[in-house]
N, C-alpha and C. Protein backbone atom coordinates (compact mmCIF):
# COMPACT_ATOMS: atom_id res chain seq x y z
N MET A 1 0.82 -1.19 0.00
CA MET A 1 0.00 0.00 0.00
C MET A 1 0.86 1.26 0.00
N ILE A 2 2.10 1.17 0.45
CA ILE A 2 2.98 2.34 0.47
C ILE A 2 3.20 2.85 -0.94
N LEU A 3 3.43 1.95 -1.89
CA LEU A 3 3.62 2.36 -3.29
C LEU A 3 2.36 3.01 -3.83
N SER A 4 1.20 2.46 -3.51
CA SER A 4 -0.05 3.05 -3.97
C SER A 4 -0.24 4.46 -3.44
N THR A 5 0.14 4.67 -2.18
CA THR A 5 0.00 5.98 -1.58
C THR A 5 0.93 6.98 -2.24
N ALA A 6 2.15 6.57 -2.52
CA ALA A 6 3.14 7.47 -3.12
C ALA A 6 2.81 7.79 -4.57
N CYS A 7 2.37 6.80 -5.33
CA CYS A 7 2.14 6.98 -6.77
C CYS A 7 0.68 7.18 -7.13
N GLY A 8 -0.22 7.02 -6.18
CA GLY A 8 -1.65 7.12 -6.46
C GLY A 8 -2.25 5.74 -6.65
N LEU A 9 -3.44 5.58 -6.17
CA LEU A 9 -4.15 4.31 -6.27
C LEU A 9 -4.64 4.09 -7.69
N ARG A 10 -4.52 2.87 -8.19
CA ARG A 10 -5.03 2.53 -9.52
C ARG A 10 -6.27 1.67 -9.36
N CYS A 11 -7.33 2.04 -10.08
CA CYS A 11 -8.61 1.32 -10.00
C CYS A 11 -9.16 1.09 -11.40
N TYR A 12 -9.92 0.00 -11.55
CA TYR A 12 -10.68 -0.18 -12.78
C TYR A 12 -11.79 0.86 -12.78
N SER A 13 -12.08 1.40 -13.96
CA SER A 13 -13.07 2.48 -14.06
C SER A 13 -13.96 2.24 -15.27
N CYS A 14 -15.28 2.15 -15.04
CA CYS A 14 -16.21 1.93 -16.15
C CYS A 14 -17.65 2.08 -15.68
N VAL A 15 -18.54 2.18 -16.65
CA VAL A 15 -19.99 2.04 -16.46
C VAL A 15 -20.41 1.12 -17.59
N THR A 16 -20.88 -0.08 -17.26
CA THR A 16 -21.16 -1.08 -18.29
C THR A 16 -22.20 -2.09 -17.80
N THR A 17 -22.73 -2.85 -18.73
CA THR A 17 -23.57 -3.99 -18.38
C THR A 17 -22.80 -5.30 -18.57
N ASN A 18 -21.63 -5.21 -19.19
CA ASN A 18 -20.79 -6.39 -19.44
C ASN A 18 -19.57 -6.34 -18.53
N PRO A 19 -19.50 -7.20 -17.51
CA PRO A 19 -18.39 -7.15 -16.56
C PRO A 19 -17.02 -7.35 -17.20
N LYS A 20 -16.96 -8.09 -18.29
CA LYS A 20 -15.67 -8.33 -18.95
C LYS A 20 -15.18 -7.10 -19.72
N ALA A 21 -16.06 -6.13 -19.94
CA ALA A 21 -15.69 -4.93 -20.70
C ALA A 21 -15.00 -3.88 -19.83
N CYS A 22 -14.93 -4.09 -18.55
CA CYS A 22 -14.34 -3.09 -17.65
C CYS A 22 -12.83 -3.31 -17.55
N THR A 23 -12.10 -2.73 -18.48
CA THR A 23 -10.65 -2.92 -18.54
C THR A 23 -9.86 -1.62 -18.41
N ARG A 24 -10.54 -0.47 -18.42
CA ARG A 24 -9.84 0.81 -18.31
C ARG A 24 -9.32 1.00 -16.88
N ILE A 25 -8.09 1.43 -16.76
CA ILE A 25 -7.46 1.66 -15.46
C ILE A 25 -7.28 3.15 -15.26
N SER A 26 -7.73 3.64 -14.11
CA SER A 26 -7.61 5.06 -13.77
C SER A 26 -6.65 5.23 -12.60
N LEU A 27 -5.90 6.32 -12.62
CA LEU A 27 -5.05 6.70 -11.49
C LEU A 27 -5.87 7.68 -10.65
N CYS A 28 -6.15 7.30 -9.41
CA CYS A 28 -7.02 8.11 -8.56
C CYS A 28 -6.30 9.36 -8.07
N PRO A 29 -6.93 10.53 -8.20
CA PRO A 29 -6.33 11.75 -7.67
C PRO A 29 -6.37 11.76 -6.14
N GLY A 30 -5.48 12.51 -5.54
CA GLY A 30 -5.26 12.63 -4.10
C GLY A 30 -6.34 12.21 -3.13
N PRO A 31 -7.44 12.93 -3.01
CA PRO A 31 -8.40 12.61 -1.95
C PRO A 31 -9.21 11.33 -2.20
N LEU A 32 -9.19 10.81 -3.41
CA LEU A 32 -9.93 9.58 -3.71
C LEU A 32 -9.04 8.40 -3.34
N ASP A 33 -9.30 7.81 -2.17
CA ASP A 33 -8.40 6.82 -1.59
C ASP A 33 -8.92 5.39 -1.63
N ARG A 34 -10.01 5.14 -2.35
CA ARG A 34 -10.58 3.79 -2.45
C ARG A 34 -11.02 3.50 -3.87
N CYS A 35 -10.90 2.23 -4.26
CA CYS A 35 -11.52 1.75 -5.50
C CYS A 35 -12.93 1.30 -5.10
N PHE A 36 -13.89 1.46 -6.01
CA PHE A 36 -15.24 1.02 -5.68
C PHE A 36 -15.84 0.27 -6.85
N SER A 37 -16.86 -0.51 -6.54
CA SER A 37 -17.68 -1.15 -7.56
C SER A 37 -19.08 -1.32 -6.99
N THR A 38 -20.05 -1.20 -7.88
CA THR A 38 -21.44 -1.39 -7.48
C THR A 38 -22.24 -1.86 -8.69
N MET A 39 -23.34 -2.53 -8.44
CA MET A 39 -24.23 -2.95 -9.51
C MET A 39 -25.65 -2.54 -9.16
N VAL A 40 -26.27 -1.79 -10.05
CA VAL A 40 -27.65 -1.36 -9.86
C VAL A 40 -28.40 -1.62 -11.16
N ASP A 41 -29.47 -2.39 -11.08
CA ASP A 41 -30.29 -2.73 -12.25
C ASP A 41 -29.45 -3.26 -13.41
N GLY A 42 -28.46 -4.10 -13.11
CA GLY A 42 -27.64 -4.72 -14.15
C GLY A 42 -26.53 -3.84 -14.68
N HIS A 43 -26.41 -2.61 -14.20
CA HIS A 43 -25.35 -1.70 -14.63
C HIS A 43 -24.22 -1.70 -13.60
N ILE A 44 -23.03 -2.05 -14.04
CA ILE A 44 -21.86 -2.09 -13.18
C ILE A 44 -21.12 -0.76 -13.30
N THR A 45 -20.79 -0.17 -12.16
CA THR A 45 -20.02 1.06 -12.14
C THR A 45 -18.80 0.83 -11.26
N LYS A 46 -17.63 1.21 -11.76
CA LYS A 46 -16.37 1.06 -11.02
C LYS A 46 -15.56 2.33 -11.17
N GLY A 47 -14.72 2.60 -10.18
CA GLY A 47 -13.87 3.78 -10.25
C GLY A 47 -13.22 4.08 -8.92
N CYS A 48 -12.92 5.37 -8.70
CA CYS A 48 -12.27 5.86 -7.48
C CYS A 48 -13.27 6.66 -6.66
N ARG A 49 -13.11 6.63 -5.34
CA ARG A 49 -13.98 7.44 -4.49
C ARG A 49 -13.36 7.60 -3.12
N ARG A 50 -13.90 8.54 -2.35
CA ARG A 50 -13.43 8.76 -0.98
C ARG A 50 -14.00 7.68 -0.06
N ASN A 51 -13.21 7.32 0.92
CA ASN A 51 -13.61 6.27 1.85
C ASN A 51 -14.95 6.58 2.53
N GLN A 52 -15.20 7.83 2.89
CA GLN A 52 -16.43 8.14 3.62
C GLN A 52 -17.69 7.95 2.78
N TYR A 53 -17.55 7.80 1.46
CA TYR A 53 -18.71 7.57 0.60
C TYR A 53 -18.88 6.10 0.25
N CYS A 54 -18.16 5.23 0.93
CA CYS A 54 -18.28 3.79 0.71
C CYS A 54 -19.38 3.24 1.62
N ILE A 55 -20.60 3.33 1.14
CA ILE A 55 -21.77 2.89 1.90
C ILE A 55 -22.51 1.86 1.04
N LYS A 56 -23.04 0.81 1.67
CA LYS A 56 -23.79 -0.22 0.94
C LYS A 56 -24.82 0.43 0.03
N PRO A 57 -25.00 -0.03 -1.17
CA PRO A 57 -24.50 -1.24 -1.79
C PRO A 57 -23.15 -1.07 -2.50
N ILE A 58 -22.44 0.02 -2.23
CA ILE A 58 -21.15 0.26 -2.86
C ILE A 58 -20.08 -0.53 -2.12
N SER A 59 -19.31 -1.31 -2.87
CA SER A 59 -18.22 -2.10 -2.31
C SER A 59 -16.91 -1.37 -2.57
N CYS A 60 -16.10 -1.17 -1.53
CA CYS A 60 -14.84 -0.43 -1.67
C CYS A 60 -13.66 -1.26 -1.17
N CYS A 61 -12.48 -0.93 -1.68
CA CYS A 61 -11.24 -1.59 -1.28
C CYS A 61 -10.09 -0.60 -1.46
N GLY A 62 -8.95 -0.88 -0.86
CA GLY A 62 -7.87 0.10 -0.84
C GLY A 62 -6.58 -0.30 -1.51
N ASP A 63 -6.56 -1.37 -2.29
CA ASP A 63 -5.33 -1.80 -2.97
C ASP A 63 -5.45 -1.57 -4.47
N ASP A 64 -4.31 -1.50 -5.15
CA ASP A 64 -4.31 -1.32 -6.60
C ASP A 64 -5.14 -2.39 -7.30
N LEU A 65 -6.03 -1.95 -8.16
CA LEU A 65 -6.85 -2.81 -9.03
C LEU A 65 -7.65 -3.85 -8.25
N CYS A 66 -8.03 -3.51 -7.03
CA CYS A 66 -8.76 -4.46 -6.19
C CYS A 66 -10.24 -4.56 -6.54
N ASN A 67 -10.74 -3.68 -7.42
CA ASN A 67 -12.16 -3.70 -7.77
C ASN A 67 -12.42 -4.45 -9.07
N SER A 68 -11.62 -5.48 -9.32
CA SER A 68 -11.78 -6.24 -10.57
C SER A 68 -12.94 -7.22 -10.52
N ALA A 69 -13.32 -7.70 -9.34
CA ALA A 69 -14.39 -8.68 -9.24
C ALA A 69 -15.73 -8.06 -9.61
N ILE A 70 -16.62 -8.91 -10.08
CA ILE A 70 -17.97 -8.47 -10.43
C ILE A 70 -18.77 -8.33 -9.14
N PRO A 71 -19.32 -7.15 -8.86
CA PRO A 71 -20.11 -7.00 -7.64
C PRO A 71 -21.38 -7.84 -7.71
N ALA A 72 -21.73 -8.48 -6.61
CA ALA A 72 -22.93 -9.32 -6.59
C ALA A 72 -24.14 -8.48 -6.22
N SER A 73 -25.16 -8.57 -7.02
CA SER A 73 -26.40 -7.86 -6.69
C SER A 73 -27.19 -8.71 -5.71
N GLY A 74 -28.23 -8.15 -5.12
CA GLY A 74 -29.03 -8.86 -4.14
C GLY A 74 -29.61 -10.15 -4.68
N SER A 75 -30.08 -10.17 -5.92
CA SER A 75 -30.69 -11.37 -6.47
C SER A 75 -29.65 -12.48 -6.67
N VAL A 76 -28.42 -12.12 -7.00
CA VAL A 76 -27.36 -13.12 -7.16
C VAL A 76 -27.04 -13.74 -5.82
N ILE A 77 -26.94 -12.92 -4.78
CA ILE A 77 -26.65 -13.44 -3.44
C ILE A 77 -27.76 -14.37 -2.99
N LEU A 78 -29.01 -14.00 -3.22
CA LEU A 78 -30.15 -14.84 -2.86
C LEU A 78 -30.08 -16.18 -3.59
N LEU A 79 -29.73 -16.16 -4.86
CA LEU A 79 -29.61 -17.38 -5.64
C LEU A 79 -28.51 -18.28 -5.07
N LEU A 80 -27.36 -17.72 -4.72
CA LEU A 80 -26.26 -18.51 -4.17
C LEU A 80 -26.63 -19.12 -2.82
N VAL A 81 -27.27 -18.36 -1.96
CA VAL A 81 -27.67 -18.87 -0.65
C VAL A 81 -28.70 -19.98 -0.80
N SER A 82 -29.69 -19.79 -1.65
CA SER A 82 -30.71 -20.83 -1.82
C SER A 82 -30.10 -22.09 -2.44
N SER A 83 -29.15 -21.94 -3.34
CA SER A 83 -28.47 -23.11 -3.92
C SER A 83 -27.68 -23.87 -2.86
N ALA A 84 -27.01 -23.14 -1.99
CA ALA A 84 -26.23 -23.78 -0.93
C ALA A 84 -27.13 -24.54 0.03
N ILE A 85 -28.26 -23.96 0.39
CA ILE A 85 -29.20 -24.63 1.29
C ILE A 85 -29.76 -25.88 0.64
N THR A 86 -30.12 -25.80 -0.63
CA THR A 86 -30.64 -26.95 -1.36
C THR A 86 -29.60 -28.07 -1.41
N THR A 87 -28.35 -27.71 -1.65
CA THR A 87 -27.27 -28.69 -1.73
C THR A 87 -27.08 -29.41 -0.40
N LEU A 88 -27.24 -28.71 0.71
CA LEU A 88 -27.09 -29.32 2.03
C LEU A 88 -28.11 -30.42 2.28
N PHE A 89 -29.30 -30.28 1.73
CA PHE A 89 -30.37 -31.23 1.99
C PHE A 89 -30.52 -32.29 0.91
N LEU A 90 -29.63 -32.34 -0.06
CA LEU A 90 -29.71 -33.39 -1.10
C LEU A 90 -28.93 -34.61 -0.73
């Protein structure tokens, strides 16, 4: 994290419906100290933001390019939990 602080944090940055299309890398300016990702109505948004604005459903992290994963929306989480419960009882 020391290198990120000295040179600026690098984050994936995009607004897309295709998670694989988010390949642009942005260098975050000074006060933007977190990478973020969120999904609303199938639209994925990623970029840089201040830590104090990292409130659910926005997922934030503090390492270079840490926002590469596809954020899970509520319906995806519900599907995974129900699948796990079903698997336990089979």
